[in-house]
Amino acid sequence: MKGTYHLAAPSQCTAYQVKVWGRLSADWSEWLNGVRITPEDDATIIDAMVDQAALRGILCQIWDLNLTVVSVTRIEQEKGER
């Protein structure tokens, strides 16, 4: 395989920001496992600190809502920050 892959330890949580086309109110946070939801213009920003399995679960729930994912960004954290 070409490229370099950096995998987090399985027990380590990572912060992700998911941007979806369309608006979700903060009320959807509980259904999406308590993530922070920020509506902006014609999109919604979903901030989550999760492992890979939980991220996939959130993306599946977004799929179930028939929303379009614009981007998924891994947020770098300072050493020791959680």
C-alpha atoms as a PDB file:
ATOM      1  CA  MET A   1       0.000   0.000   0.000  1.00  0.00           C
ATOM      2  CA  LYS A   2       1.150   3.513  -0.722  1.00  0.00           C
ATOM      3  CA  GLY A   3       0.996   6.238   1.888  1.00  0.00           C
ATOM      4  CA  THR A   4       1.561   6.472   5.579  1.00  0.00           C
ATOM      5  CA  TYR A   5      -1.138   5.538   8.034  1.00  0.00           C
ATOM      6  CA  HIS A   6      -1.175   6.560  11.680  1.00  0.00           C
ATOM      7  CA  LEU A   7      -3.606   4.633  13.806  1.00  0.00           C
ATOM      8  CA  ALA A   8      -4.616   5.653  17.319  1.00  0.00           C
ATOM      9  CA  ALA A   9      -4.519   3.063  20.054  1.00  0.00           C
ATOM     10  CA  PRO A  10      -7.875   1.221  20.136  1.00  0.00           C
ATOM     11  CA  SER A  11      -8.764   2.513  23.607  1.00  0.00           C
ATOM     12  CA  GLN A  12      -7.866   6.114  22.748  1.00  0.00           C
ATOM     13  CA  CYS A  13     -10.622   8.607  21.992  1.00  0.00           C
ATOM     14  CA  THR A  14     -10.070  11.244  19.328  1.00  0.00           C
ATOM     15  CA  ALA A  15     -11.931  14.464  18.596  1.00  0.00           C
ATOM     16  CA  TYR A  16     -13.702  14.726  15.256  1.00  0.00           C
ATOM     17  CA  GLN A  17     -15.682  17.465  13.584  1.00  0.00           C
ATOM     18  CA  VAL A  18     -18.354  16.338  11.144  1.00  0.00           C
ATOM     19  CA  LYS A  19     -19.991  18.923   8.905  1.00  0.00           C
ATOM     20  CA  VAL A  20     -23.312  18.011   7.332  1.00  0.00           C
ATOM     21  CA  TRP A  21     -25.438  19.793   4.776  1.00  0.00           C
ATOM     22  CA  GLY A  22     -28.702  20.788   6.384  1.00  0.00           C
ATOM     23  CA  ARG A  23     -29.678  21.999   9.802  1.00  0.00           C
ATOM     24  CA  LEU A  24     -30.009  20.018  13.002  1.00  0.00           C
ATOM     25  CA  SER A  25     -31.050  21.623  16.251  1.00  0.00           C
ATOM     26  CA  ALA A  26     -29.086  21.005  19.441  1.00  0.00           C
ATOM     27  CA  ASP A  27     -31.979  18.741  20.493  1.00  0.00           C
ATOM     28  CA  TRP A  28     -30.506  15.989  18.279  1.00  0.00           C
ATOM     29  CA  SER A  29     -27.417  15.799  20.497  1.00  0.00           C
ATOM     30  CA  GLU A  30     -28.828  13.100  22.764  1.00  0.00           C
ATOM     31  CA  TRP A  31     -29.826  10.893  19.816  1.00  0.00           C
ATOM     32  CA  LEU A  32     -26.278  11.262  18.451  1.00  0.00           C
ATOM     33  CA  ASN A  33     -24.679  10.052  21.715  1.00  0.00           C
ATOM     34  CA  GLY A  34     -24.331  13.445  23.387  1.00  0.00           C
ATOM     35  CA  VAL A  35     -22.178  15.178  20.766  1.00  0.00           C
ATOM     36  CA  ARG A  36     -22.093  18.977  20.515  1.00  0.00           C
ATOM     37  CA  ILE A  37     -24.208  20.283  17.621  1.00  0.00           C
ATOM     38  CA  THR A  38     -23.772  23.789  16.219  1.00  0.00           C
ATOM     39  CA  PRO A  39     -26.109  24.968  13.436  1.00  0.00           C
ATOM     40  CA  GLU A  40     -24.526  27.400  10.964  1.00  0.00           C
ATOM     41  CA  ASP A  41     -26.090  28.848   7.811  1.00  0.00           C
ATOM     42  CA  ASP A  42     -27.074  25.853   5.638  1.00  0.00           C
ATOM     43  CA  ALA A  43     -24.980  23.326   7.525  1.00  0.00           C
ATOM     44  CA  THR A  44     -24.454  21.789  10.947  1.00  0.00           C
ATOM     45  CA  ILE A  45     -21.187  21.169  12.767  1.00  0.00           C
ATOM     46  CA  ILE A  46     -21.068  18.070  14.982  1.00  0.00           C
ATOM     47  CA  ASP A  47     -18.158  17.903  17.436  1.00  0.00           C
ATOM     48  CA  ALA A  48     -17.465  14.554  19.060  1.00  0.00           C
ATOM     49  CA  MET A  49     -14.721  12.915  21.086  1.00  0.00           C
ATOM     50  CA  VAL A  50     -15.058   9.271  20.174  1.00  0.00           C
ATOM     51  CA  ASP A  51     -13.258   6.142  19.086  1.00  0.00           C
ATOM     52  CA  GLN A  52     -13.536   4.777  15.540  1.00  0.00           C
ATOM     53  CA  ALA A  53     -16.523   2.551  16.307  1.00  0.00           C
ATOM     54  CA  ALA A  54     -18.503   5.427  17.846  1.00  0.00           C
ATOM     55  CA  LEU A  55     -17.604   7.706  14.920  1.00  0.00           C
ATOM     56  CA  ARG A  56     -18.962   5.091  12.526  1.00  0.00           C
ATOM     57  CA  GLY A  57     -22.131   4.902  14.623  1.00  0.00           C
ATOM     58  CA  ILE A  58     -22.598   8.671  14.402  1.00  0.00           C
ATOM     59  CA  LEU A  59     -22.024   8.591  10.638  1.00  0.00           C
ATOM     60  CA  CYS A  60     -24.594   5.782  10.296  1.00  0.00           C
ATOM     61  CA  GLN A  61     -27.118   7.834  12.266  1.00  0.00           C
ATOM     62  CA  ILE A  62     -26.435  10.818   9.991  1.00  0.00           C
ATOM     63  CA  TRP A  63     -27.038   8.483   7.032  1.00  0.00           C
ATOM     64  CA  ASP A  64     -30.332   7.347   8.617  1.00  0.00           C
ATOM     65  CA  LEU A  65     -31.402  11.018   8.814  1.00  0.00           C
ATOM     66  CA  ASN A  66     -30.678  11.282   5.066  1.00  0.00           C
ATOM     67  CA  LEU A  67     -28.189  14.113   5.623  1.00  0.00           C
ATOM     68  CA  THR A  68     -25.228  14.743   3.345  1.00  0.00           C
ATOM     69  CA  VAL A  69     -21.796  14.649   4.970  1.00  0.00           C
ATOM     70  CA  VAL A  70     -19.702  17.582   3.745  1.00  0.00           C
ATOM     71  CA  SER A  71     -16.546  16.744   5.686  1.00  0.00           C
ATOM     72  CA  VAL A  72     -15.099  14.703   8.549  1.00  0.00           C
ATOM     73  CA  THR A  73     -12.052  16.254  10.198  1.00  0.00           C
ATOM     74  CA  ARG A  74      -9.871  14.744  12.895  1.00  0.00           C
ATOM     75  CA  ILE A  75      -9.040  17.444  15.433  1.00  0.00           C
ATOM     76  CA  GLU A  76      -5.480  17.403  16.708  1.00  0.00           C
ATOM     77  CA  GLN A  77      -5.266  17.707  20.459  1.00  0.00           C
ATOM     78  CA  GLU A  78      -2.493  18.946  22.692  1.00  0.00           C
ATOM     79  CA  LYS A  79      -0.636  16.257  24.624  1.00  0.00           C
ATOM     80  CA  GLY A  80      -2.585  15.403  27.770  1.00  0.00           C
ATOM     81  CA  GLU A  81      -5.774  17.140  26.556  1.00  0.00           C
ATOM     82  CA  ARG A  82      -8.949  15.074  26.576  1.00  0.00           C
END
